[in-house]
PDB file of N, CA and C in Angstrom:
ATOM      1  N   MET A   1     -46.295  75.912 -50.090  1.00  0.00           N
ATOM      2  CA  MET A   1     -46.018  76.662 -51.017  1.00  0.00           C
ATOM      3  C   MET A   1     -44.928  75.975 -52.343  1.00  0.00           C
ATOM      4  N   GLN A   2     -44.593  75.725 -53.551  1.00  0.00           N
ATOM      5  CA  GLN A   2     -43.428  74.933 -53.835  1.00  0.00           C
ATOM      6  C   GLN A   2     -42.887  76.398 -54.628  1.00  0.00           C
ATOM      7  N   TYR A   3     -41.702  75.717 -54.418  1.00  0.00           N
ATOM      8  CA  TYR A   3     -40.124  76.258 -54.981  1.00  0.00           C
ATOM      9  C   TYR A   3     -39.433  75.339 -55.990  1.00  0.00           C
ATOM     10  N   LEU A   4     -38.687  77.050 -56.933  1.00  0.00           N
ATOM     11  CA  LEU A   4     -38.261  75.903 -58.502  1.00  0.00           C
ATOM     12  C   LEU A   4     -37.206  76.267 -57.077  1.00  0.00           C
ATOM     13  N   ILE A   5     -36.434  75.182 -57.193  1.00  0.00           N
ATOM     14  CA  ILE A   5     -34.808  75.735 -57.185  1.00  0.00           C
ATOM     15  C   ILE A   5     -33.764  75.007 -58.464  1.00  0.00           C
ATOM     16  N   SER A   6     -32.935  76.097 -59.404  1.00  0.00           N
ATOM     17  CA  SER A   6     -32.752  75.847 -60.652  1.00  0.00           C
ATOM     18  C   SER A   6     -31.313  75.486 -59.945  1.00  0.00           C
ATOM     19  N   VAL A   7     -30.539  74.892 -60.655  1.00  0.00           N
ATOM     20  CA  VAL A   7     -29.401  74.562 -60.086  1.00  0.00           C
ATOM     21  C   VAL A   7     -28.393  75.240 -61.898  1.00  0.00           C
ATOM     22  N   ILE A   8     -27.577  76.022 -61.794  1.00  0.00           N
ATOM     23  CA  ILE A   8     -26.314  76.465 -62.511  1.00  0.00           C
ATOM     24  C   ILE A   8     -25.108  76.093 -62.236  1.00  0.00           C
ATOM     25  N   ASN A   9     -25.170  76.061 -63.422  1.00  0.00           N
ATOM     26  CA  ASN A   9     -23.052  75.677 -63.553  1.00  0.00           C
ATOM     27  C   ASN A   9     -22.734  76.520 -64.893  1.00  0.00           C
ATOM     28  N   GLU A  10     -21.382  77.399 -64.482  1.00  0.00           N
ATOM     29  CA  GLU A  10     -20.277  77.694 -65.560  1.00  0.00           C
ATOM     30  C   GLU A  10     -20.042  76.706 -67.496  1.00  0.00           C
ATOM     31  N   SER A  11     -20.603  75.604 -67.174  1.00  0.00           N
ATOM     32  CA  SER A  11     -20.384  74.278 -68.313  1.00  0.00           C
ATOM     33  C   SER A  11     -21.676  73.471 -68.142  1.00  0.00           C
ATOM     34  N   SER A  12     -21.667  73.205 -69.144  1.00  0.00           N
ATOM     35  CA  SER A  12     -23.099  72.006 -69.253  1.00  0.00           C
ATOM     36  C   SER A  12     -22.641  70.735 -69.423  1.00  0.00           C
ATOM     37  N   ASP A  13     -21.065  70.421 -67.814  1.00  0.00           N
ATOM     38  CA  ASP A  13     -20.750  69.238 -67.253  1.00  0.00           C
ATOM     39  C   ASP A  13     -21.789  69.318 -66.973  1.00  0.00           C
ATOM     40  N   LEU A  14     -21.706  67.261 -66.776  1.00  0.00           N
ATOM     41  CA  LEU A  14     -22.227  66.492 -66.037  1.00  0.00           C
ATOM     42  C   LEU A  14     -22.327  65.991 -64.580  1.00  0.00           C
ATOM     43  N   ALA A  15     -22.472  65.959 -63.402  1.00  0.00           N
ATOM     44  CA  ALA A  15     -22.058  65.976 -62.575  1.00  0.00           C
ATOM     45  C   ALA A  15     -21.034  64.531 -62.579  1.00  0.00           C
ATOM     46  N   THR A  16     -19.894  65.089 -61.707  1.00  0.00           N
ATOM     47  CA  THR A  16     -18.798  63.426 -61.392  1.00  0.00           C
ATOM     48  C   THR A  16     -19.572  62.875 -60.249  1.00  0.00           C
ATOM     49  N   GLU A  17     -19.104  61.719 -60.394  1.00  0.00           N
ATOM     50  CA  GLU A  17     -19.466  60.449 -59.958  1.00  0.00           C
ATOM     51  C   GLU A  17     -19.798  60.523 -58.204  1.00  0.00           C
ATOM     52  N   ASP A  18     -18.551  61.648 -57.810  1.00  0.00           N
ATOM     53  CA  ASP A  18     -18.951  62.135 -56.243  1.00  0.00           C
ATOM     54  C   ASP A  18     -19.958  62.906 -56.317  1.00  0.00           C
ATOM     55  N   GLU A  19     -20.394  63.630 -56.541  1.00  0.00           N
ATOM     56  CA  GLU A  19     -20.940  64.836 -56.997  1.00  0.00           C
ATOM     57  C   GLU A  19     -22.546  64.220 -57.247  1.00  0.00           C
ATOM     58  N   GLN A  20     -22.818  63.392 -57.986  1.00  0.00           N
ATOM     59  CA  GLN A  20     -23.969  62.274 -57.946  1.00  0.00           C
ATOM     60  C   GLN A  20     -24.452  61.387 -57.188  1.00  0.00           C
ATOM     61  N   ALA A  21     -22.957  60.495 -56.440  1.00  0.00           N
ATOM     62  CA  ALA A  21     -23.867  60.136 -55.063  1.00  0.00           C
ATOM     63  C   ALA A  21     -23.928  61.093 -54.220  1.00  0.00           C
ATOM     64  N   ALA A  22     -23.485  62.217 -53.804  1.00  0.00           N
ATOM     65  CA  ALA A  22     -23.977  63.424 -52.805  1.00  0.00           C
ATOM     66  C   ALA A  22     -25.917  63.810 -53.457  1.00  0.00           C
ATOM     67  N   ILE A  23     -25.509  64.012 -54.603  1.00  0.00           N
ATOM     68  CA  ILE A  23     -26.849  64.609 -55.447  1.00  0.00           C
ATOM     69  C   ILE A  23     -28.484  63.292 -54.711  1.00  0.00           C
ATOM     70  N   ASP A  24     -28.025  62.185 -55.192  1.00  0.00           N
ATOM     71  CA  ASP A  24     -28.541  61.106 -54.664  1.00  0.00           C
ATOM     72  C   ASP A  24     -28.839  60.702 -53.258  1.00  0.00           C
ATOM     73  N   VAL A  25     -28.004  60.593 -52.060  1.00  0.00           N
ATOM     74  CA  VAL A  25     -28.085  61.043 -50.518  1.00  0.00           C
ATOM     75  C   VAL A  25     -28.988  62.171 -50.340  1.00  0.00           C
ATOM     76  N   PHE A  26     -28.862  62.958 -51.262  1.00  0.00           N
ATOM     77  CA  PHE A  26     -29.880  64.782 -50.825  1.00  0.00           C
ATOM     78  C   PHE A  26     -31.206  64.312 -51.618  1.00  0.00           C
ATOM     79  N   ASN A  27     -31.355  63.497 -52.876  1.00  0.00           N
ATOM     80  CA  ASN A  27     -32.557  63.339 -52.950  1.00  0.00           C
ATOM     81  C   ASN A  27     -33.518  62.288 -51.844  1.00  0.00           C
ATOM     82  N   GLU A  28     -32.858  61.231 -51.813  1.00  0.00           N
ATOM     83  CA  GLU A  28     -33.310  60.409 -50.748  1.00  0.00           C
ATOM     84  C   GLU A  28     -33.988  61.295 -49.386  1.00  0.00           C
ATOM     85  N   ARG A  29     -33.318  61.913 -48.692  1.00  0.00           N
ATOM     86  CA  ARG A  29     -33.485  62.939 -47.991  1.00  0.00           C
ATOM     87  C   ARG A  29     -34.483  63.726 -47.990  1.00  0.00           C
ATOM     88  N   VAL A  30     -34.243  64.572 -49.146  1.00  0.00           N
ATOM     89  CA  VAL A  30     -35.555  65.325 -49.519  1.00  0.00           C
ATOM     90  C   VAL A  30     -37.078  64.926 -49.315  1.00  0.00           C
ATOM     91  N   ILE A  31     -36.714  63.746 -50.187  1.00  0.00           N
ATOM     92  CA  ILE A  31     -37.932  62.326 -50.914  1.00  0.00           C
ATOM     93  C   ILE A  31     -38.480  61.468 -49.159  1.00  0.00           C
ATOM     94  N   ALA A  32     -37.538  61.479 -48.295  1.00  0.00           N
ATOM     95  CA  ALA A  32     -38.279  60.858 -46.815  1.00  0.00           C
ATOM     96  C   ALA A  32     -38.952  62.192 -45.935  1.00  0.00           C
ATOM     97  N   GLU A  33     -38.271  63.343 -46.617  1.00  0.00           N
ATOM     98  CA  GLU A  33     -38.986  65.058 -45.377  1.00  0.00           C
ATOM     99  C   GLU A  33     -40.301  64.702 -45.938  1.00  0.00           C
ATOM    100  N   GLY A  34     -40.026  64.491 -47.127  1.00  0.00           N
ATOM    101  CA  GLY A  34     -41.690  65.081 -47.650  1.00  0.00           C
ATOM    102  C   GLY A  34     -41.582  66.014 -48.297  1.00  0.00           C
ATOM    103  N   ASN A  35     -40.395  66.759 -48.737  1.00  0.00           N
ATOM    104  CA  ASN A  35     -40.476  68.244 -49.887  1.00  0.00           C
ATOM    105  C   ASN A  35     -40.265  67.705 -50.759  1.00  0.00           C
ATOM    106  N   TRP A  36     -40.302  66.936 -51.392  1.00  0.00           N
ATOM    107  CA  TRP A  36     -39.946  66.142 -52.809  1.00  0.00           C
ATOM    108  C   TRP A  36     -41.168  66.799 -53.559  1.00  0.00           C
ATOM    109  N   VAL A  37     -41.220  67.365 -54.782  1.00  0.00           N
ATOM    110  CA  VAL A  37     -42.138  67.041 -55.543  1.00  0.00           C
ATOM    111  C   VAL A  37     -42.117  66.882 -57.109  1.00  0.00           C
ATOM    112  N   PHE A  38     -40.923  67.347 -57.556  1.00  0.00           N
ATOM    113  CA  PHE A  38     -40.046  66.852 -59.159  1.00  0.00           C
ATOM    114  C   PHE A  38     -38.787  66.842 -58.988  1.00  0.00           C
ATOM    115  N   ALA A  39     -37.701  66.485 -59.953  1.00  0.00           N
ATOM    116  CA  ALA A  39     -36.712  66.872 -59.894  1.00  0.00           C
ATOM    117  C   ALA A  39     -35.953  66.523 -61.775  1.00  0.00           C
ATOM    118  N   GLY A  40     -34.652  67.415 -62.100  1.00  0.00           N
ATOM    119  CA  GLY A  40     -34.391  66.365 -63.619  1.00  0.00           C
ATOM    120  C   GLY A  40     -32.758  67.790 -63.745  1.00  0.00           C
ATOM    121  N   GLY A  41     -32.617  67.001 -64.223  1.00  0.00           N
ATOM    122  CA  GLY A  41     -30.980  67.178 -65.115  1.00  0.00           C
ATOM    123  C   GLY A  41     -31.274  67.335 -66.007  1.00  0.00           C
ATOM    124  N   LEU A  42     -30.461  68.660 -67.056  1.00  0.00           N
ATOM    125  CA  LEU A  42     -31.172  69.010 -68.652  1.00  0.00           C
ATOM    126  C   LEU A  42     -30.329  68.675 -69.422  1.00  0.00           C
ATOM    127  N   ALA A  43     -29.941  68.595 -70.710  1.00  0.00           N
ATOM    128  CA  ALA A  43     -29.257  68.757 -71.993  1.00  0.00           C
ATOM    129  C   ALA A  43     -28.748  69.558 -72.114  1.00  0.00           C
ATOM    130  N   GLY A  44     -27.373  69.797 -72.768  1.00  0.00           N
ATOM    131  CA  GLY A  44     -26.597  71.184 -72.286  1.00  0.00           C
ATOM    132  C   GLY A  44     -27.186  72.285 -73.487  1.00  0.00           C
ATOM    133  N   PRO A  45     -26.758  73.461 -72.888  1.00  0.00           N
ATOM    134  CA  PRO A  45     -27.978  74.482 -73.878  1.00  0.00           C
ATOM    135  C   PRO A  45     -27.711  74.409 -75.249  1.00  0.00           C
ATOM    136  N   GLY A  46     -26.612  73.668 -75.513  1.00  0.00           N
ATOM    137  CA  GLY A  46     -26.557  73.412 -77.395  1.00  0.00           C
ATOM    138  C   GLY A  46     -27.558  72.904 -78.134  1.00  0.00           C
ATOM    139  N   SER A  47     -28.609  72.172 -76.855  1.00  0.00           N
ATOM    140  CA  SER A  47     -29.752  71.067 -77.663  1.00  0.00           C
ATOM    141  C   SER A  47     -30.951  71.729 -77.743  1.00  0.00           C
ATOM    142  N   ALA A  48     -30.885  73.023 -77.035  1.00  0.00           N
ATOM    143  CA  ALA A  48     -31.770  73.879 -76.599  1.00  0.00           C
ATOM    144  C   ALA A  48     -32.602  74.336 -78.328  1.00  0.00           C
ATOM    145  N   THR A  49     -33.861  74.192 -78.220  1.00  0.00           N
ATOM    146  CA  THR A  49     -34.415  75.276 -79.425  1.00  0.00           C
ATOM    147  C   THR A  49     -35.201  76.095 -79.093  1.00  0.00           C
ATOM    148  N   VAL A  50     -35.130  77.673 -79.630  1.00  0.00           N
ATOM    149  CA  VAL A  50     -36.560  78.643 -78.887  1.00  0.00           C
ATOM    150  C   VAL A  50     -38.052  78.555 -79.928  1.00  0.00           C
ATOM    151  N   VAL A  51     -39.201  78.486 -79.627  1.00  0.00           N
ATOM    152  CA  VAL A  51     -39.484  78.847 -80.291  1.00  0.00           C
ATOM    153  C   VAL A  51     -40.900  80.042 -79.553  1.00  0.00           C
ATOM    154  N   ASP A  52     -41.199  80.982 -80.768  1.00  0.00           N
ATOM    155  CA  ASP A  52     -41.467  82.354 -80.670  1.00  0.00           C
ATOM    156  C   ASP A  52     -42.060  82.683 -82.274  1.00  0.00           C
ATOM    157  N   ASN A  53     -43.881  82.116 -81.238  1.00  0.00           N
ATOM    158  CA  ASN A  53     -45.420  81.977 -82.453  1.00  0.00           C
ATOM    159  C   ASN A  53     -45.723  83.244 -81.930  1.00  0.00           C
ATOM    160  N   ARG A  54     -46.172  84.941 -81.178  1.00  0.00           N
ATOM    161  CA  ARG A  54     -45.775  85.485 -81.288  1.00  0.00           C
ATOM    162  C   ARG A  54     -46.498  86.126 -82.110  1.00  0.00           C
ATOM    163  N   GLY A  55     -46.126  85.921 -83.594  1.00  0.00           N
ATOM    164  CA  GLY A  55     -45.919  86.614 -84.974  1.00  0.00           C
ATOM    165  C   GLY A  55     -46.853  85.995 -86.042  1.00  0.00           C
ATOM    166  N   ALA A  56     -46.726  86.551 -87.238  1.00  0.00           N
ATOM    167  CA  ALA A  56     -47.951  85.608 -87.912  1.00  0.00           C
ATOM    168  C   ALA A  56     -47.712  84.034 -88.333  1.00  0.00           C
ATOM    169  N   ASN A  57     -45.927  83.688 -87.571  1.00  0.00           N
ATOM    170  CA  ASN A  57     -46.617  82.777 -88.112  1.00  0.00           C
ATOM    171  C   ASN A  57     -44.762  82.061 -86.953  1.00  0.00           C
ATOM    172  N   ALA A  58     -45.286  81.118 -86.461  1.00  0.00           N
ATOM    173  CA  ALA A  58     -43.960  80.340 -85.281  1.00  0.00           C
ATOM    174  C   ALA A  58     -42.874  80.455 -85.744  1.00  0.00           C
ATOM    175  N   LEU A  59     -41.840  81.048 -85.206  1.00  0.00           N
ATOM    176  CA  LEU A  59     -40.200  81.469 -85.892  1.00  0.00           C
ATOM    177  C   LEU A  59     -39.222  79.975 -84.146  1.00  0.00           C
ATOM    178  N   VAL A  60     -38.752  79.634 -85.107  1.00  0.00           N
ATOM    179  CA  VAL A  60     -38.486  78.149 -84.665  1.00  0.00           C
ATOM    180  C   VAL A  60     -36.473  78.257 -84.494  1.00  0.00           C
ATOM    181  N   THR A  61     -35.693  78.674 -83.929  1.00  0.00           N
ATOM    182  CA  THR A  61     -34.763  78.660 -83.485  1.00  0.00           C
ATOM    183  C   THR A  61     -33.629  77.442 -82.845  1.00  0.00           C
ATOM    184  N   ASP A  62     -32.425  77.727 -83.004  1.00  0.00           N
ATOM    185  CA  ASP A  62     -31.350  76.381 -82.450  1.00  0.00           C
ATOM    186  C   ASP A  62     -30.674  77.559 -81.956  1.00  0.00           C
ATOM    187  N   GLY A  63     -30.093  76.689 -80.493  1.00  0.00           N
ATOM    188  CA  GLY A  63     -30.163  77.206 -79.321  1.00  0.00           C
ATOM    189  C   GLY A  63     -30.661  77.678 -78.425  1.00  0.00           C
ATOM    190  N   PRO A  64     -29.574  78.160 -77.130  1.00  0.00           N
ATOM    191  CA  PRO A  64     -30.887  78.663 -75.873  1.00  0.00           C
ATOM    192  C   PRO A  64     -31.504  79.721 -75.905  1.00  0.00           C
ATOM    193  N   PHE A  65     -31.875  80.238 -75.182  1.00  0.00           N
ATOM    194  CA  PHE A  65     -32.631  82.078 -75.572  1.00  0.00           C
ATOM    195  C   PHE A  65     -31.401  82.617 -75.745  1.00  0.00           C
ATOM    196  N   VAL A  66     -30.461  83.194 -74.772  1.00  0.00           N
ATOM    197  CA  VAL A  66     -29.510  83.706 -74.496  1.00  0.00           C
ATOM    198  C   VAL A  66     -28.052  83.186 -74.231  1.00  0.00           C
ATOM    199  N   GLU A  67     -27.755  83.483 -75.086  1.00  0.00           N
ATOM    200  CA  GLU A  67     -25.462  83.683 -75.051  1.00  0.00           C
ATOM    201  C   GLU A  67     -24.934  83.809 -73.037  1.00  0.00           C
ATOM    202  N   THR A  68     -25.034  83.048 -71.915  1.00  0.00           N
ATOM    203  CA  THR A  68     -24.325  83.437 -70.917  1.00  0.00           C
ATOM    204  C   THR A  68     -23.235  82.610 -71.017  1.00  0.00           C
ATOM    205  N   LYS A  69     -22.069  82.893 -69.482  1.00  0.00           N
ATOM    206  CA  LYS A  69     -21.395  82.160 -69.590  1.00  0.00           C
ATOM    207  C   LYS A  69     -22.588  81.334 -68.074  1.00  0.00           C
ATOM    208  N   GLU A  70     -23.373  81.179 -68.245  1.00  0.00           N
ATOM    209  CA  GLU A  70     -23.274  79.822 -66.897  1.00  0.00           C
ATOM    210  C   GLU A  70     -25.226  79.857 -67.326  1.00  0.00           C
ATOM    211  N   TYR A  71     -25.316  77.972 -66.722  1.00  0.00           N
ATOM    212  CA  TYR A  71     -26.762  77.744 -67.330  1.00  0.00           C
ATOM    213  C   TYR A  71     -27.257  76.530 -66.198  1.00  0.00           C
ATOM    214  N   ILE A  72     -28.732  76.929 -66.721  1.00  0.00           N
ATOM    215  CA  ILE A  72     -29.266  75.578 -65.991  1.00  0.00           C
ATOM    216  C   ILE A  72     -29.002  74.697 -66.156  1.00  0.00           C
ATOM    217  N   VAL A  73     -28.813  73.942 -65.600  1.00  0.00           N
ATOM    218  CA  VAL A  73     -28.092  72.475 -65.340  1.00  0.00           C
ATOM    219  C   VAL A  73     -29.195  70.765 -65.073  1.00  0.00           C
ATOM    220  N   GLY A  74     -30.527  71.771 -63.675  1.00  0.00           N
ATOM    221  CA  GLY A  74     -31.178  70.847 -63.327  1.00  0.00           C
ATOM    222  C   GLY A  74     -31.303  71.661 -62.388  1.00  0.00           C
ATOM    223  N   PHE A  75     -32.784  70.971 -62.230  1.00  0.00           N
ATOM    224  CA  PHE A  75     -34.090  71.308 -61.129  1.00  0.00           C
ATOM    225  C   PHE A  75     -33.962  70.650 -60.301  1.00  0.00           C
ATOM    226  N   TRP A  76     -34.443  71.008 -59.428  1.00  0.00           N
ATOM    227  CA  TRP A  76     -35.942  70.564 -58.066  1.00  0.00           C
ATOM    228  C   TRP A  76     -36.856  71.182 -58.444  1.00  0.00           C
ATOM    229  N   VAL A  77     -38.002  70.747 -57.904  1.00  0.00           N
ATOM    230  CA  VAL A  77     -39.188  71.447 -56.769  1.00  0.00           C
ATOM    231  C   VAL A  77     -39.129  71.294 -56.086  1.00  0.00           C
ATOM    232  N   PHE A  78     -39.599  71.351 -55.322  1.00  0.00           N
ATOM    233  CA  PHE A  78     -39.416  71.280 -53.842  1.00  0.00           C
ATOM    234  C   PHE A  78     -40.536  71.863 -53.217  1.00  0.00           C
ATOM    235  N   GLU A  79     -41.601  70.665 -52.112  1.00  0.00           N
ATOM    236  CA  GLU A  79     -42.572  71.650 -51.123  1.00  0.00           C
ATOM    237  C   GLU A  79     -42.364  71.740 -49.475  1.00  0.00           C
ATOM    238  N   ALA A  80     -42.396  73.461 -49.918  1.00  0.00           N
ATOM    239  CA  ALA A  80     -41.953  74.005 -48.213  1.00  0.00           C
ATOM    240  C   ALA A  80     -42.483  74.625 -47.621  1.00  0.00           C
ATOM    241  N   PRO A  81     -43.002  75.195 -46.231  1.00  0.00           N
ATOM    242  CA  PRO A  81     -44.087  75.882 -45.653  1.00  0.00           C
ATOM    243  C   PRO A  81     -43.609  77.180 -46.010  1.00  0.00           C
ATOM    244  N   ASP A  82     -42.013  77.832 -46.165  1.00  0.00           N
ATOM    245  CA  ASP A  82     -42.171  78.911 -46.046  1.00  0.00           C
ATOM    246  C   ASP A  82     -40.569  78.987 -46.723  1.00  0.00           C
ATOM    247  N   LEU A  83     -40.134  80.454 -46.711  1.00  0.00           N
ATOM    248  CA  LEU A  83     -38.877  80.291 -47.962  1.00  0.00           C
ATOM    249  C   LEU A  83     -37.967  80.444 -46.885  1.00  0.00           C
ATOM    250  N   ASP A  84     -37.860  79.904 -45.951  1.00  0.00           N
ATOM    251  CA  ASP A  84     -36.291  80.022 -45.463  1.00  0.00           C
ATOM    252  C   ASP A  84     -36.330  78.743 -45.406  1.00  0.00           C
ATOM    253  N   ALA A  85     -37.445  77.436 -44.929  1.00  0.00           N
ATOM    254  CA  ALA A  85     -37.273  76.528 -45.030  1.00  0.00           C
ATOM    255  C   ALA A  85     -36.547  75.646 -46.759  1.00  0.00           C
ATOM    256  N   ALA A  86     -37.202  76.783 -47.712  1.00  0.00           N
ATOM    257  CA  ALA A  86     -37.084  76.358 -48.816  1.00  0.00           C
ATOM    258  C   ALA A  86     -35.138  76.645 -49.099  1.00  0.00           C
ATOM    259  N   LEU A  87     -34.829  77.818 -48.808  1.00  0.00           N
ATOM    260  CA  LEU A  87     -33.618  78.423 -47.961  1.00  0.00           C
ATOM    261  C   LEU A  87     -32.440  76.958 -47.980  1.00  0.00           C
ATOM    262  N   LYS A  88     -32.652  76.983 -46.964  1.00  0.00           N
ATOM    263  CA  LYS A  88     -32.309  75.867 -46.650  1.00  0.00           C
ATOM    264  C   LYS A  88     -32.390  74.407 -46.918  1.00  0.00           C
ATOM    265  N   LEU A  89     -33.188  74.028 -48.007  1.00  0.00           N
ATOM    266  CA  LEU A  89     -33.316  73.096 -48.963  1.00  0.00           C
ATOM    267  C   LEU A  89     -32.499  73.503 -49.536  1.00  0.00           C
ATOM    268  N   ALA A  90     -31.943  74.315 -50.371  1.00  0.00           N
ATOM    269  CA  ALA A  90     -31.254  75.082 -51.576  1.00  0.00           C
ATOM    270  C   ALA A  90     -29.535  74.708 -50.918  1.00  0.00           C
ATOM    271  N   ALA A  91     -29.193  75.280 -49.603  1.00  0.00           N
ATOM    272  CA  ALA A  91     -28.191  75.575 -49.612  1.00  0.00           C
ATOM    273  C   ALA A  91     -27.551  74.177 -49.481  1.00  0.00           C
ATOM    274  N   ASP A  92     -28.596  73.146 -49.120  1.00  0.00           N
ATOM    275  CA  ASP A  92     -28.324  71.495 -48.940  1.00  0.00           C
ATOM    276  C   ASP A  92     -27.851  71.087 -50.491  1.00  0.00           C
ATOM    277  N   GLY A  93     -29.236  71.597 -50.854  1.00  0.00           N
ATOM    278  CA  GLY A  93     -29.025  71.161 -52.461  1.00  0.00           C
ATOM    279  C   GLY A  93     -27.486  71.566 -53.489  1.00  0.00           C
ATOM    280  N   SER A  94     -26.779  72.634 -52.561  1.00  0.00           N
ATOM    281  CA  SER A  94     -25.735  73.247 -53.456  1.00  0.00           C
ATOM    282  C   SER A  94     -24.998  72.652 -53.340  1.00  0.00           C
ATOM    283  N   LYS A  95     -24.986  72.139 -51.768  1.00  0.00           N
ATOM    284  CA  LYS A  95     -23.785  71.305 -50.670  1.00  0.00           C
ATOM    285  C   LYS A  95     -23.617  70.403 -51.486  1.00  0.00           C
ATOM    286  N   ALA A  96     -25.041  69.417 -51.682  1.00  0.00           N
ATOM    287  CA  ALA A  96     -24.982  68.147 -52.503  1.00  0.00           C
ATOM    288  C   ALA A  96     -24.432  68.511 -54.251  1.00  0.00           C
ATOM    289  N   CYS A  97     -24.385  69.245 -54.827  1.00  0.00           N
ATOM    290  CA  CYS A  97     -24.791  68.845 -56.334  1.00  0.00           C
ATOM    291  C   CYS A  97     -22.870  69.834 -56.088  1.00  0.00           C
ATOM    292  N   ASN A  98     -22.696  70.671 -55.701  1.00  0.00           N
ATOM    293  CA  ASN A  98     -21.494  71.765 -55.569  1.00  0.00           C
ATOM    294  C   ASN A  98     -21.968  72.625 -57.231  1.00  0.00           C
ATOM    295  N   ARG A  99     -22.840  73.514 -56.857  1.00  0.00           N
ATOM    296  CA  ARG A  99     -22.708  74.226 -57.384  1.00  0.00           C
ATOM    297  C   ARG A  99     -23.903  75.237 -57.578  1.00  0.00           C
ATOM    298  N   LYS A 100     -24.163  76.349 -57.987  1.00  0.00           N
ATOM    299  CA  LYS A 100     -24.474  77.872 -57.609  1.00  0.00           C
ATOM    300  C   LYS A 100     -26.481  76.797 -57.656  1.00  0.00           C
ATOM    301  N   VAL A 101     -27.516  77.682 -57.181  1.00  0.00           N
ATOM    302  CA  VAL A 101     -29.070  77.120 -57.053  1.00  0.00           C
ATOM    303  C   VAL A 101     -29.404  78.527 -56.720  1.00  0.00           C
ATOM    304  N   GLU A 102     -30.508  78.877 -57.103  1.00  0.00           N
ATOM    305  CA  GLU A 102     -31.582  79.657 -57.343  1.00  0.00           C
ATOM    306  C   GLU A 102     -32.595  79.508 -57.148  1.00  0.00           C
ATOM    307  N   VAL A 103     -33.671  80.210 -56.150  1.00  0.00           N
ATOM    308  CA  VAL A 103     -34.484  79.654 -55.481  1.00  0.00           C
ATOM    309  C   VAL A 103     -35.480  80.495 -55.698  1.00  0.00           C
ATOM    310  N   ARG A 104     -36.481  79.951 -56.489  1.00  0.00           N
ATOM    311  CA  ARG A 104     -38.408  80.979 -57.099  1.00  0.00           C
ATOM    312  C   ARG A 104     -39.324  80.184 -56.641  1.00  0.00           C
ATOM    313  N   PRO A 105     -39.982  81.154 -56.007  1.00  0.00           N
ATOM    314  CA  PRO A 105     -41.472  80.459 -55.654  1.00  0.00           C
ATOM    315  C   PRO A 105     -42.083  80.368 -56.462  1.00  0.00           C
ATOM    316  N   PHE A 106     -42.948  79.570 -56.948  1.00  0.00           N
ATOM    317  CA  PHE A 106     -44.262  79.665 -57.791  1.00  0.00           C
ATOM    318  C   PHE A 106     -44.748  80.419 -57.588  1.00  0.00           C
ATOM    319  N   LEU A 107     -46.197  80.978 -58.359  1.00  0.00           N
ATOM    320  CA  LEU A 107     -46.828  82.132 -58.158  1.00  0.00           C
ATOM    321  C   LEU A 107     -48.149  81.177 -57.725  1.00  0.00           C
TER     322      LEU A 107
END
């Protein structure tokens, strides 16, 4: 099963040099262990654009969908046999990037 691990931070600050080095080591391990699917960092919430095309015309709005104190600043998609394995990977990823993470299975 695949899991989305969202990296959450109180600001849109990029990882420090030490954090990035730890993330690189973690990513290399996850790749070597066969759990890696995809990962990426995200631009700050100020660069977001919301598109709502549920009405007669598409409404395009600058800025994030919601105003919040925490932002998703990156993500991993892992392949794991079960939630326990995904949570272990998430805990290691949280330690590596020095940020909270949220784990959600794909449907």
